[in-house]
Amino acid sequence: MPKYLNQNKTLDMKKIICVMGLLLLALVSGTKVSAQDPHFSQFYANPLYLNPAFAGTNVCPRITAHFRDQWPNIHGTYLTYSASYDQHFDKLAGGIGVLFMGDHQGQGTINTYAASIIYSYKLKVSRKFSMRFALQATFQQKSLNWDKLTFGDMIDPKYGFVYETNETAPAKQSKAIADFSAGFIGYTKNFYFGLAVNHVTRPYEGFISVSRLPIKWTAHVGGYFDLKRRSRKSRSFGDISISPNIIYQHQMEFHQLNYGFYLNYYPFAVGIWYRQSFRNPDAVIFMFGLQHERVRVAYSYDLTVSKLANLSGGAHEVSLQLLLPCPERKKVMKDLVCPTF
């Protein structure tokens, strides 16, 4: 039976229908319908989430924090946040990263928390071409707040939600799973590409019946080109660079294509992206960022262009990166030059 959130009686019926659809994707267990992973619009501001092989590519320690509010017109529909730390270690011939995620769907009806540890091995193929291969292990805890759900048999045509439901709550409303992912990237001075595979073992996560987490595939390719730069050692005011990128994601029957570019006029950065499925448009993404020495902060807005444009309110996203000095106290050049947002 369809499930949706208990909203104030004054809510527009269209908004209720939207929330119904969102929770159907998250709760219904079956062979054709399954929940999708949260997504971020500032892909490279959250590099470990995009591809675990990015662990250590900054060489020196890097801390990131991320927050996303999706569909703000329907308050609390999707709130997602993350934090990560990564660093390259010469003794390990690669990078180590940790990633923490939190995701709240439908005003806390479904809550997911995850912690991951990543190892990314660096292989220098030639003087100009390198690769990184990564493995990621994740512990995930997902819970369902049954009391926040309402059902069709609770509705009175005149007075709204006034009846008790006959639906039976699942025996377990919290589930812990172990999850594994992998990825690789290849890169030169100006070009990079990669592939990530999440949920390789497809763990069971359903509350009501058997439901396996579908594999998510992420492929990305891009470039980074300096149009004006005064010094090779450090960035200075007025340096200009451009970075075109394409990212493709596939999870079960869900396909998403993102393409756009970043333009940097140091210390400022702007970006514009277009996101779509193979059949329908989704959003135009506008991003503005500021970077100064070891601090980077950015804001982006997803302008919905699909049929949900008048209901969703798009999405707001904020990111913060802190680039810490290397413990060896020596000048270390960045391993991979790619966008920072």
C-alpha atoms as a PDB file:
ATOM      1  CA  MET A   1       0.000   0.000   0.000  1.00  0.00           C
ATOM      2  CA  PRO A   2       1.385   3.473  -0.799  1.00  0.00           C
ATOM      3  CA  LYS A   3       3.107   5.242   2.096  1.00  0.00           C
ATOM      4  CA  TYR A   4       3.823   8.917   2.580  1.00  0.00           C
ATOM      5  CA  LEU A   5       4.624  11.410   5.281  1.00  0.00           C
ATOM      6  CA  ASN A   6       2.159  12.859   7.722  1.00  0.00           C
ATOM      7  CA  GLN A   7       1.978  16.511   6.683  1.00  0.00           C
ATOM      8  CA  ASN A   8      -0.046  19.422   7.970  1.00  0.00           C
ATOM      9  CA  LYS A   9      -3.587  19.375   6.582  1.00  0.00           C
ATOM     10  CA  THR A  10      -2.924  22.633   4.800  1.00  0.00           C
ATOM     11  CA  LEU A  11      -0.251  21.070   2.609  1.00  0.00           C
ATOM     12  CA  ASP A  12      -0.906  21.191  -1.084  1.00  0.00           C
ATOM     13  CA  MET A  13      -2.059  17.788  -2.376  1.00  0.00           C
ATOM     14  CA  LYS A  14       0.582  17.853  -5.081  1.00  0.00           C
ATOM     15  CA  LYS A  15       3.282  18.066  -2.443  1.00  0.00           C
ATOM     16  CA  ILE A  16       1.826  15.056  -0.663  1.00  0.00           C
ATOM     17  CA  ILE A  17       1.888  13.107  -3.914  1.00  0.00           C
ATOM     18  CA  CYS A  18       5.539  14.057  -4.403  1.00  0.00           C
ATOM     19  CA  VAL A  19       6.459  12.791  -0.972  1.00  0.00           C
ATOM     20  CA  MET A  20       4.516   9.600  -1.633  1.00  0.00           C
ATOM     21  CA  GLY A  21       6.655   8.963  -4.681  1.00  0.00           C
ATOM     22  CA  LEU A  22       9.887   9.623  -2.803  1.00  0.00           C
ATOM     23  CA  LEU A  23       9.089   7.201  -0.020  1.00  0.00           C
ATOM     24  CA  LEU A  24       7.798   4.577  -2.406  1.00  0.00           C
ATOM     25  CA  LEU A  25      11.267   4.519  -3.923  1.00  0.00           C
ATOM     26  CA  ALA A  26      12.824   4.205  -0.489  1.00  0.00           C
ATOM     27  CA  LEU A  27      10.471   1.710   1.169  1.00  0.00           C
ATOM     28  CA  VAL A  28       9.005  -0.609  -1.425  1.00  0.00           C
ATOM     29  CA  SER A  29      10.943  -3.846  -1.762  1.00  0.00           C
ATOM     30  CA  GLY A  30      10.841  -5.745  -4.992  1.00  0.00           C
ATOM     31  CA  THR A  31      12.729  -6.636  -8.130  1.00  0.00           C
ATOM     32  CA  LYS A  32      12.032  -3.468 -10.080  1.00  0.00           C
ATOM     33  CA  VAL A  33      11.956  -0.653  -7.530  1.00  0.00           C
ATOM     34  CA  SER A  34      14.696   0.247  -5.064  1.00  0.00           C
ATOM     35  CA  ALA A  35      16.103   3.278  -3.291  1.00  0.00           C
ATOM     36  CA  GLN A  36      18.846   5.300  -4.933  1.00  0.00           C
ATOM     37  CA  ASP A  37      21.971   6.631  -3.245  1.00  0.00           C
ATOM     38  CA  PRO A  38      22.055  10.300  -2.227  1.00  0.00           C
ATOM     39  CA  HIS A  39      23.836  12.514  -4.723  1.00  0.00           C
ATOM     40  CA  PHE A  40      25.791  15.748  -4.519  1.00  0.00           C
ATOM     41  CA  SER A  41      26.103  18.498  -7.122  1.00  0.00           C
ATOM     42  CA  GLN A  42      29.560  19.659  -6.037  1.00  0.00           C
ATOM     43  CA  PHE A  43      31.159  16.417  -7.125  1.00  0.00           C
ATOM     44  CA  TYR A  44      34.823  17.264  -6.639  1.00  0.00           C
ATOM     45  CA  ALA A  45      34.265  19.052  -3.325  1.00  0.00           C
ATOM     46  CA  ASN A  46      33.332  15.584  -2.029  1.00  0.00           C
ATOM     47  CA  PRO A  47      35.915  13.489  -3.908  1.00  0.00           C
ATOM     48  CA  LEU A  48      35.864  10.335  -1.774  1.00  0.00           C
ATOM     49  CA  TYR A  49      32.102  10.031  -2.285  1.00  0.00           C
ATOM     50  CA  LEU A  50      32.485  10.404  -6.038  1.00  0.00           C
ATOM     51  CA  ASN A  51      35.250   7.816  -6.284  1.00  0.00           C
ATOM     52  CA  PRO A  52      37.274   6.222  -3.437  1.00  0.00           C
ATOM     53  CA  ALA A  53      40.368   6.315  -5.655  1.00  0.00           C
ATOM     54  CA  PHE A  54      40.639  10.069  -4.977  1.00  0.00           C
ATOM     55  CA  ALA A  55      41.933   9.245  -1.477  1.00  0.00           C
ATOM     56  CA  GLY A  56      45.392  10.755  -1.189  1.00  0.00           C
ATOM     57  CA  THR A  57      45.369  12.693  -4.463  1.00  0.00           C
ATOM     58  CA  ASN A  58      45.924  15.961  -2.622  1.00  0.00           C
ATOM     59  CA  VAL A  59      49.050  14.326  -1.075  1.00  0.00           C
ATOM     60  CA  CYS A  60      48.873  16.476   2.089  1.00  0.00           C
ATOM     61  CA  PRO A  61      45.992  16.026   4.567  1.00  0.00           C
ATOM     62  CA  ARG A  62      42.573  17.163   3.333  1.00  0.00           C
ATOM     63  CA  ILE A  63      39.378  17.620   5.345  1.00  0.00           C
ATOM     64  CA  THR A  64      35.988  18.104   3.674  1.00  0.00           C
ATOM     65  CA  ALA A  65      32.502  18.856   4.989  1.00  0.00           C
ATOM     66  CA  HIS A  66      29.302  18.882   2.962  1.00  0.00           C
ATOM     67  CA  PHE A  67      25.614  19.672   3.461  1.00  0.00           C
ATOM     68  CA  ARG A  68      22.741  19.323   0.975  1.00  0.00           C
ATOM     69  CA  ASP A  69      19.080  20.291   1.351  1.00  0.00           C
ATOM     70  CA  GLN A  70      17.106  18.809  -1.534  1.00  0.00           C
ATOM     71  CA  TRP A  71      13.563  19.911  -2.338  1.00  0.00           C
ATOM     72  CA  PRO A  72      13.379  22.612   0.385  1.00  0.00           C
ATOM     73  CA  ASN A  73       9.790  23.585  -0.561  1.00  0.00           C
ATOM     74  CA  ILE A  74       8.773  20.246   0.956  1.00  0.00           C
ATOM     75  CA  HIS A  75      10.501  20.767   4.282  1.00  0.00           C
ATOM     76  CA  GLY A  76      12.830  17.993   5.388  1.00  0.00           C
ATOM     77  CA  THR A  77      12.340  15.762   2.351  1.00  0.00           C
ATOM     78  CA  TYR A  78      16.049  15.032   1.832  1.00  0.00           C
ATOM     79  CA  LEU A  79      18.842  16.291   4.103  1.00  0.00           C
ATOM     80  CA  THR A  80      22.287  14.845   3.448  1.00  0.00           C
ATOM     81  CA  TYR A  81      25.659  15.645   4.947  1.00  0.00           C
ATOM     82  CA  SER A  82      29.141  14.165   4.882  1.00  0.00           C
ATOM     83  CA  ALA A  83      32.654  14.655   6.236  1.00  0.00           C
ATOM     84  CA  SER A  84      35.924  13.086   5.137  1.00  0.00           C
ATOM     85  CA  TYR A  85      39.661  13.019   5.744  1.00  0.00           C
ATOM     86  CA  ASP A  86      42.343  11.717   3.377  1.00  0.00           C
ATOM     87  CA  GLN A  87      46.120  11.817   3.010  1.00  0.00           C
ATOM     88  CA  HIS A  88      48.886  10.145   0.984  1.00  0.00           C
ATOM     89  CA  PHE A  89      51.468   8.022   2.809  1.00  0.00           C
ATOM     90  CA  ASP A  90      54.703   7.167   1.007  1.00  0.00           C
ATOM     91  CA  LYS A  91      55.288   4.155   3.281  1.00  0.00           C
ATOM     92  CA  LEU A  92      51.941   2.709   2.204  1.00  0.00           C
ATOM     93  CA  ALA A  93      52.473   3.577  -1.476  1.00  0.00           C
ATOM     94  CA  GLY A  94      49.025   5.138  -1.493  1.00  0.00           C
ATOM     95  CA  GLY A  95      46.364   7.128   0.278  1.00  0.00           C
ATOM     96  CA  ILE A  96      44.160   6.482   3.294  1.00  0.00           C
ATOM     97  CA  GLY A  97      40.716   8.052   3.630  1.00  0.00           C
ATOM     98  CA  VAL A  98      37.763   7.977   5.991  1.00  0.00           C
ATOM     99  CA  LEU A  99      34.269   9.086   4.989  1.00  0.00           C
ATOM    100  CA  PHE A 100      31.204   9.691   7.170  1.00  0.00           C
ATOM    101  CA  MET A 101      27.695  10.092   5.757  1.00  0.00           C
ATOM    102  CA  GLY A 102      24.291  10.979   7.139  1.00  0.00           C
ATOM    103  CA  ASP A 103      21.031  11.018   5.186  1.00  0.00           C
ATOM    104  CA  HIS A 104      17.527  11.897   6.430  1.00  0.00           C
ATOM    105  CA  GLN A 105      14.522  11.250   4.212  1.00  0.00           C
ATOM    106  CA  GLY A 106      11.003  12.551   4.798  1.00  0.00           C
ATOM    107  CA  GLN A 107      11.575  14.592   7.979  1.00  0.00           C
ATOM    108  CA  GLY A 108      13.508  11.762   9.583  1.00  0.00           C
ATOM    109  CA  THR A 109      11.245   8.915   8.537  1.00  0.00           C
ATOM    110  CA  ILE A 110      14.235   7.047   7.096  1.00  0.00           C
ATOM    111  CA  ASN A 111      17.658   7.763   8.564  1.00  0.00           C
ATOM    112  CA  THR A 112      20.936   6.378   7.244  1.00  0.00           C
ATOM    113  CA  TYR A 113      24.384   6.694   8.779  1.00  0.00           C
ATOM    114  CA  ALA A 114      27.534   5.275   7.241  1.00  0.00           C
ATOM    115  CA  ALA A 115      31.252   5.202   8.026  1.00  0.00           C
ATOM    116  CA  SER A 116      33.859   4.113   5.470  1.00  0.00           C
ATOM    117  CA  ILE A 117      37.568   3.453   5.403  1.00  0.00           C
ATOM    118  CA  ILE A 118      39.458   3.614   2.098  1.00  0.00           C
ATOM    119  CA  TYR A 119      42.857   2.567   0.803  1.00  0.00           C
ATOM    120  CA  SER A 120      44.009   3.897  -2.579  1.00  0.00           C
ATOM    121  CA  TYR A 121      47.176   2.405  -4.131  1.00  0.00           C
ATOM    122  CA  LYS A 122      49.171   4.695  -6.427  1.00  0.00           C
ATOM    123  CA  LEU A 123      50.806   3.242  -9.542  1.00  0.00           C
ATOM    124  CA  LYS A 124      53.118   5.458 -11.586  1.00  0.00           C
ATOM    125  CA  VAL A 125      52.763   3.982 -15.066  1.00  0.00           C
ATOM    126  CA  SER A 126      55.089   6.476 -16.758  1.00  0.00           C
ATOM    127  CA  ARG A 127      56.603   9.879 -16.145  1.00  0.00           C
ATOM    128  CA  LYS A 128      53.414  11.567 -17.347  1.00  0.00           C
ATOM    129  CA  PHE A 129      50.689   9.037 -16.481  1.00  0.00           C
ATOM    130  CA  SER A 130      49.648   7.652 -13.077  1.00  0.00           C
ATOM    131  CA  MET A 131      46.799   5.545 -11.736  1.00  0.00           C
ATOM    132  CA  ARG A 132      45.191   4.862  -8.362  1.00  0.00           C
ATOM    133  CA  PHE A 133      43.224   1.754  -7.401  1.00  0.00           C
ATOM    134  CA  ALA A 134      41.013   1.841  -4.314  1.00  0.00           C
ATOM    135  CA  LEU A 135      39.035  -0.443  -2.024  1.00  0.00           C
ATOM    136  CA  GLN A 136      36.389   0.850   0.381  1.00  0.00           C
ATOM    137  CA  ALA A 137      34.758  -0.881   3.342  1.00  0.00           C
ATOM    138  CA  THR A 138      31.597   0.649   4.814  1.00  0.00           C
ATOM    139  CA  PHE A 139      29.470   0.053   7.882  1.00  0.00           C
ATOM    140  CA  GLN A 140      25.922   1.366   7.419  1.00  0.00           C
ATOM    141  CA  GLN A 141      23.070   1.752   9.892  1.00  0.00           C
ATOM    142  CA  LYS A 142      19.569   2.427   8.518  1.00  0.00           C
ATOM    143  CA  SER A 143      16.475   3.007  10.646  1.00  0.00           C
ATOM    144  CA  LEU A 144      12.769   3.544  10.013  1.00  0.00           C
ATOM    145  CA  ASN A 145      10.529   5.734  12.182  1.00  0.00           C
ATOM    146  CA  TRP A 146       7.201   3.946  11.696  1.00  0.00           C
ATOM    147  CA  ASP A 147       5.264   6.521  13.726  1.00  0.00           C
ATOM    148  CA  LYS A 148       5.939   9.179  11.072  1.00  0.00           C
ATOM    149  CA  LEU A 149       4.252   7.170   8.315  1.00  0.00           C
ATOM    150  CA  THR A 150       0.581   7.531   7.368  1.00  0.00           C
ATOM    151  CA  PHE A 151      -1.502   5.198   5.224  1.00  0.00           C
ATOM    152  CA  GLY A 152      -4.562   5.338   3.021  1.00  0.00           C
ATOM    153  CA  ASP A 153      -6.862   3.750   5.617  1.00  0.00           C
ATOM    154  CA  MET A 154      -6.142   6.639   8.034  1.00  0.00           C
ATOM    155  CA  ILE A 155      -7.740   9.277   5.770  1.00  0.00           C
ATOM    156  CA  ASP A 156     -11.227  10.697   6.205  1.00  0.00           C
ATOM    157  CA  PRO A 157     -12.390  12.520   3.026  1.00  0.00           C
ATOM    158  CA  LYS A 158     -13.526  15.501   5.096  1.00  0.00           C
ATOM    159  CA  TYR A 159     -11.287  15.613   8.191  1.00  0.00           C
ATOM    160  CA  GLY A 160      -8.032  14.192   6.877  1.00  0.00           C
ATOM    161  CA  PHE A 161      -5.819  11.859   8.947  1.00  0.00           C
ATOM    162  CA  VAL A 162      -8.087  10.850  11.841  1.00  0.00           C
ATOM    163  CA  TYR A 163      -8.129   7.006  11.886  1.00  0.00           C
ATOM    164  CA  GLU A 164      -5.741   4.367  13.186  1.00  0.00           C
ATOM    165  CA  THR A 165      -4.080   2.243  10.534  1.00  0.00           C
ATOM    166  CA  ASN A 166      -4.471  -1.508  10.210  1.00  0.00           C
ATOM    167  CA  GLU A 167      -0.966  -1.839   8.781  1.00  0.00           C
ATOM    168  CA  THR A 168       1.495  -3.816  10.883  1.00  0.00           C
ATOM    169  CA  ALA A 169       4.883  -2.333  11.681  1.00  0.00           C
ATOM    170  CA  PRO A 170       7.927  -4.417  10.683  1.00  0.00           C
ATOM    171  CA  ALA A 171       9.506  -6.430  13.483  1.00  0.00           C
ATOM    172  CA  LYS A 172      12.867  -4.687  13.034  1.00  0.00           C
ATOM    173  CA  GLN A 173      12.990  -0.971  12.295  1.00  0.00           C
ATOM    174  CA  SER A 174      16.786  -0.711  12.294  1.00  0.00           C
ATOM    175  CA  LYS A 175      19.292  -2.602  10.225  1.00  0.00           C
ATOM    176  CA  ALA A 176      23.099  -2.660  10.104  1.00  0.00           C
ATOM    177  CA  ILE A 177      24.997  -3.849   7.047  1.00  0.00           C
ATOM    178  CA  ALA A 178      28.564  -4.162   5.783  1.00  0.00           C
ATOM    179  CA  ASP A 179      29.163  -2.768   2.318  1.00  0.00           C
ATOM    180  CA  PHE A 180      32.122  -2.761  -0.073  1.00  0.00           C
ATOM    181  CA  SER A 181      33.085  -0.558  -3.014  1.00  0.00           C
ATOM    182  CA  ALA A 182      36.012  -0.085  -5.390  1.00  0.00           C
ATOM    183  CA  GLY A 183      37.304   2.401  -7.921  1.00  0.00           C
ATOM    184  CA  PHE A 184      40.204   3.577 -10.030  1.00  0.00           C
ATOM    185  CA  ILE A 185      41.396   6.782 -11.673  1.00  0.00           C
ATOM    186  CA  GLY A 186      43.981   7.490 -14.345  1.00  0.00           C
ATOM    187  CA  TYR A 187      45.485  10.912 -14.888  1.00  0.00           C
ATOM    188  CA  THR A 188      48.073  13.040 -16.640  1.00  0.00           C
ATOM    189  CA  LYS A 189      48.921  16.694 -16.148  1.00  0.00           C
ATOM    190  CA  ASN A 190      45.760  17.916 -17.871  1.00  0.00           C
ATOM    191  CA  PHE A 191      43.390  14.952 -18.221  1.00  0.00           C
ATOM    192  CA  TYR A 192      41.812  12.451 -15.826  1.00  0.00           C
ATOM    193  CA  PHE A 193      39.223   9.679 -15.930  1.00  0.00           C
ATOM    194  CA  GLY A 194      37.861   7.117 -13.522  1.00  0.00           C
ATOM    195  CA  LEU A 195      35.306   4.474 -12.642  1.00  0.00           C
ATOM    196  CA  ALA A 196      33.760   3.646  -9.258  1.00  0.00           C
ATOM    197  CA  VAL A 197      31.568   0.673  -8.332  1.00  0.00           C
ATOM    198  CA  ASN A 198      29.595   1.008  -5.093  1.00  0.00           C
ATOM    199  CA  HIS A 199      27.751  -1.774  -3.211  1.00  0.00           C
ATOM    200  CA  VAL A 200      29.676  -4.565  -4.932  1.00  0.00           C
ATOM    201  CA  THR A 201      28.269  -7.240  -2.606  1.00  0.00           C
ATOM    202  CA  ARG A 202      24.695  -5.908  -2.776  1.00  0.00           C
ATOM    203  CA  PRO A 203      23.861  -6.210   0.947  1.00  0.00           C
ATOM    204  CA  TYR A 204      20.302  -6.778   2.169  1.00  0.00           C
ATOM    205  CA  GLU A 205      18.691  -3.624   3.575  1.00  0.00           C
ATOM    206  CA  GLY A 206      14.888  -4.005   3.374  1.00  0.00           C
ATOM    207  CA  PHE A 207      12.575  -3.526   6.374  1.00  0.00           C
ATOM    208  CA  ILE A 208       9.373  -5.090   5.024  1.00  0.00           C
ATOM    209  CA  SER A 209      10.646  -7.807   2.691  1.00  0.00           C
ATOM    210  CA  VAL A 210      13.877  -8.932   1.054  1.00  0.00           C
ATOM    211  CA  SER A 211      15.549  -5.994  -0.671  1.00  0.00           C
ATOM    212  CA  ARG A 212      19.149  -5.790  -1.854  1.00  0.00           C
ATOM    213  CA  LEU A 213      21.048  -2.555  -2.304  1.00  0.00           C
ATOM    214  CA  PRO A 214      21.629  -2.140  -6.070  1.00  0.00           C
ATOM    215  CA  ILE A 215      25.130  -1.599  -7.471  1.00  0.00           C
ATOM    216  CA  LYS A 216      25.939   1.982  -8.417  1.00  0.00           C
ATOM    217  CA  TRP A 217      28.311   2.685 -11.315  1.00  0.00           C
ATOM    218  CA  THR A 218      30.019   6.067 -11.666  1.00  0.00           C
ATOM    219  CA  ALA A 219      32.169   6.986 -14.672  1.00  0.00           C
ATOM    220  CA  HIS A 220      33.826  10.381 -14.961  1.00  0.00           C
ATOM    221  CA  VAL A 221      36.227  12.129 -17.328  1.00  0.00           C
ATOM    222  CA  GLY A 222      37.522  15.675 -17.460  1.00  0.00           C
ATOM    223  CA  GLY A 223      40.390  18.061 -17.961  1.00  0.00           C
ATOM    224  CA  TYR A 224      42.058  21.004 -16.263  1.00  0.00           C
ATOM    225  CA  PHE A 225      43.683  23.750 -18.339  1.00  0.00           C
ATOM    226  CA  ASP A 226      45.491  26.896 -17.246  1.00  0.00           C
ATOM    227  CA  LEU A 227      44.604  29.860 -19.440  1.00  0.00           C
ATOM    228  CA  LYS A 228      46.696  32.330 -17.442  1.00  0.00           C
ATOM    229  CA  ARG A 229      49.130  31.552 -14.642  1.00  0.00           C
ATOM    230  CA  ARG A 230      51.960  33.680 -13.289  1.00  0.00           C
ATOM    231  CA  SER A 231      53.779  31.051 -11.256  1.00  0.00           C
ATOM    232  CA  ARG A 232      53.984  27.260 -11.377  1.00  0.00           C
ATOM    233  CA  LYS A 233      54.636  26.995  -7.649  1.00  0.00           C
ATOM    234  CA  SER A 234      51.553  28.762  -6.311  1.00  0.00           C
ATOM    235  CA  ARG A 235      48.296  30.392  -7.348  1.00  0.00           C
ATOM    236  CA  SER A 236      48.053  34.183  -7.416  1.00  0.00           C
ATOM    237  CA  PHE A 237      45.254  36.690  -7.925  1.00  0.00           C
ATOM    238  CA  GLY A 238      43.999  36.735 -11.503  1.00  0.00           C
ATOM    239  CA  ASP A 239      45.168  33.259 -12.534  1.00  0.00           C
ATOM    240  CA  ILE A 240      42.591  31.761 -14.910  1.00  0.00           C
ATOM    241  CA  SER A 241      41.809  28.102 -15.582  1.00  0.00           C
ATOM    242  CA  ILE A 242      38.929  26.095 -17.036  1.00  0.00           C
ATOM    243  CA  SER A 243      37.838  22.524 -16.361  1.00  0.00           C
ATOM    244  CA  PRO A 244      35.208  20.719 -18.505  1.00  0.00           C
ATOM    245  CA  ASN A 245      33.769  17.489 -17.052  1.00  0.00           C
ATOM    246  CA  ILE A 246      31.309  14.680 -17.747  1.00  0.00           C
ATOM    247  CA  ILE A 247      29.958  12.333 -15.073  1.00  0.00           C
ATOM    248  CA  TYR A 248      27.661   9.374 -15.700  1.00  0.00           C
ATOM    249  CA  GLN A 249      25.922   7.390 -12.944  1.00  0.00           C
ATOM    250  CA  HIS A 250      23.843   4.234 -13.217  1.00  0.00           C
ATOM    251  CA  GLN A 251      22.002   2.390 -10.438  1.00  0.00           C
ATOM    252  CA  MET A 252      19.477  -0.289 -11.318  1.00  0.00           C
ATOM    253  CA  GLU A 253      17.043   1.431 -13.738  1.00  0.00           C
ATOM    254  CA  PHE A 254      18.260   4.911 -12.821  1.00  0.00           C
ATOM    255  CA  HIS A 255      20.541   6.735 -15.285  1.00  0.00           C
ATOM    256  CA  GLN A 256      22.009  10.181 -14.690  1.00  0.00           C
ATOM    257  CA  LEU A 257      24.260  12.253 -16.944  1.00  0.00           C
ATOM    258  CA  ASN A 258      26.007  15.405 -15.684  1.00  0.00           C
ATOM    259  CA  TYR A 259      28.057  17.670 -17.921  1.00  0.00           C
ATOM    260  CA  GLY A 260      29.416  21.163 -17.500  1.00  0.00           C
ATOM    261  CA  PHE A 261      32.529  23.111 -16.609  1.00  0.00           C
ATOM    262  CA  TYR A 262      34.257  25.128 -13.909  1.00  0.00           C
ATOM    263  CA  LEU A 263      35.879  28.501 -14.552  1.00  0.00           C
ATOM    264  CA  ASN A 264      38.450  29.704 -12.024  1.00  0.00           C
ATOM    265  CA  TYR A 265      39.580  33.307 -11.678  1.00  0.00           C
ATOM    266  CA  TYR A 266      41.677  32.954  -8.563  1.00  0.00           C
ATOM    267  CA  PRO A 267      40.521  33.199  -5.808  1.00  0.00           C
ATOM    268  CA  PHE A 268      37.005  32.911  -7.290  1.00  0.00           C
ATOM    269  CA  ALA A 269      35.427  29.925  -9.027  1.00  0.00           C
ATOM    270  CA  VAL A 270      32.112  29.500 -10.842  1.00  0.00           C
ATOM    271  CA  GLY A 271      30.539  26.449 -12.404  1.00  0.00           C
ATOM    272  CA  ILE A 272      27.505  25.509 -14.447  1.00  0.00           C
ATOM    273  CA  TRP A 273      26.226  21.973 -14.986  1.00  0.00           C
ATOM    274  CA  TYR A 274      23.282  20.295 -16.651  1.00  0.00           C
ATOM    275  CA  ARG A 275      21.857  17.105 -15.135  1.00  0.00           C
ATOM    276  CA  GLN A 276      19.485  14.758 -16.919  1.00  0.00           C
ATOM    277  CA  SER A 277      18.385  11.181 -17.328  1.00  0.00           C
ATOM    278  CA  PHE A 278      18.401   9.643 -20.787  1.00  0.00           C
ATOM    279  CA  ARG A 279      14.755  10.632 -21.250  1.00  0.00           C
ATOM    280  CA  ASN A 280      14.044  13.652 -19.074  1.00  0.00           C
ATOM    281  CA  PRO A 281      15.802  16.861 -17.978  1.00  0.00           C
ATOM    282  CA  ASP A 282      16.418  17.301 -14.270  1.00  0.00           C
ATOM    283  CA  ALA A 283      18.278  20.458 -13.256  1.00  0.00           C
ATOM    284  CA  VAL A 284      20.718  23.199 -14.129  1.00  0.00           C
ATOM    285  CA  ILE A 285      23.351  23.587 -11.418  1.00  0.00           C
ATOM    286  CA  PHE A 286      24.949  26.938 -10.599  1.00  0.00           C
ATOM    287  CA  MET A 287      27.994  27.042  -8.325  1.00  0.00           C
ATOM    288  CA  PHE A 288      30.068  29.839  -6.786  1.00  0.00           C
ATOM    289  CA  GLY A 289      33.202  29.189  -4.753  1.00  0.00           C
ATOM    290  CA  LEU A 290      36.023  31.005  -3.021  1.00  0.00           C
ATOM    291  CA  GLN A 291      39.464  29.559  -2.434  1.00  0.00           C
ATOM    292  CA  HIS A 292      42.264  31.163  -0.463  1.00  0.00           C
ATOM    293  CA  GLU A 293      45.426  29.281   0.368  1.00  0.00           C
ATOM    294  CA  ARG A 294      44.245  26.325   2.493  1.00  0.00           C
ATOM    295  CA  VAL A 295      40.510  27.073   2.696  1.00  0.00           C
ATOM    296  CA  ARG A 296      37.849  26.494   0.053  1.00  0.00           C
ATOM    297  CA  VAL A 297      34.150  27.157   0.439  1.00  0.00           C
ATOM    298  CA  ALA A 298      31.372  26.912  -2.150  1.00  0.00           C
ATOM    299  CA  TYR A 299      27.616  27.202  -2.567  1.00  0.00           C
ATOM    300  CA  SER A 300      25.541  25.669  -5.349  1.00  0.00           C
ATOM    301  CA  TYR A 301      21.882  25.707  -6.310  1.00  0.00           C
ATOM    302  CA  ASP A 302      20.053  23.115  -8.398  1.00  0.00           C
ATOM    303  CA  LEU A 303      17.442  24.838 -10.560  1.00  0.00           C
ATOM    304  CA  THR A 304      14.859  22.153 -11.303  1.00  0.00           C
ATOM    305  CA  VAL A 305      13.760  22.102 -14.955  1.00  0.00           C
ATOM    306  CA  SER A 306      11.616  18.960 -14.850  1.00  0.00           C
ATOM    307  CA  LYS A 307       7.851  18.832 -14.176  1.00  0.00           C
ATOM    308  CA  LEU A 308       8.614  19.176 -10.461  1.00  0.00           C
ATOM    309  CA  ALA A 309      10.034  22.681 -10.925  1.00  0.00           C
ATOM    310  CA  ASN A 310       7.105  24.485  -9.254  1.00  0.00           C
ATOM    311  CA  LEU A 311       6.956  22.094  -6.294  1.00  0.00           C
ATOM    312  CA  SER A 312      10.456  21.088  -5.242  1.00  0.00           C
ATOM    313  CA  GLY A 313      12.358  24.350  -4.788  1.00  0.00           C
ATOM    314  CA  GLY A 314      15.494  22.789  -6.275  1.00  0.00           C
ATOM    315  CA  ALA A 315      18.370  22.058  -3.907  1.00  0.00           C
ATOM    316  CA  HIS A 316      20.888  24.006  -1.849  1.00  0.00           C
ATOM    317  CA  GLU A 317      24.376  22.713  -1.217  1.00  0.00           C
ATOM    318  CA  VAL A 318      27.330  24.036   0.792  1.00  0.00           C
ATOM    319  CA  SER A 319      30.858  22.625   0.956  1.00  0.00           C
ATOM    320  CA  LEU A 320      34.008  23.362   2.927  1.00  0.00           C
ATOM    321  CA  GLN A 321      37.541  22.067   2.377  1.00  0.00           C
ATOM    322  CA  LEU A 322      40.577  22.507   4.599  1.00  0.00           C
ATOM    323  CA  LEU A 323      43.988  21.671   3.133  1.00  0.00           C
ATOM    324  CA  LEU A 324      46.444  21.014   5.932  1.00  0.00           C
ATOM    325  CA  PRO A 325      50.248  21.203   5.635  1.00  0.00           C
ATOM    326  CA  CYS A 326      52.190  17.989   5.203  1.00  0.00           C
ATOM    327  CA  PRO A 327      53.775  16.646   8.412  1.00  0.00           C
ATOM    328  CA  GLU A 328      57.209  16.501   6.702  1.00  0.00           C
ATOM    329  CA  ARG A 329      57.216  20.286   6.368  1.00  0.00           C
ATOM    330  CA  LYS A 330      58.388  20.196   2.803  1.00  0.00           C
ATOM    331  CA  LYS A 331      56.862  21.613  -0.355  1.00  0.00           C
ATOM    332  CA  VAL A 332      54.720  18.921  -1.955  1.00  0.00           C
ATOM    333  CA  MET A 333      53.028  19.419  -5.306  1.00  0.00           C
ATOM    334  CA  LYS A 334      49.485  18.208  -5.690  1.00  0.00           C
ATOM    335  CA  ASP A 335      49.370  14.714  -7.135  1.00  0.00           C
ATOM    336  CA  LEU A 336      46.287  15.218  -9.311  1.00  0.00           C
ATOM    337  CA  VAL A 337      45.187  18.572 -10.735  1.00  0.00           C
ATOM    338  CA  CYS A 338      41.396  18.540 -10.989  1.00  0.00           C
ATOM    339  CA  PRO A 339      38.453  20.728  -9.917  1.00  0.00           C
ATOM    340  CA  THR A 340      38.099  21.527  -6.228  1.00  0.00           C
ATOM    341  CA  PHE A 341      34.299  21.923  -6.336  1.00  0.00           C
END
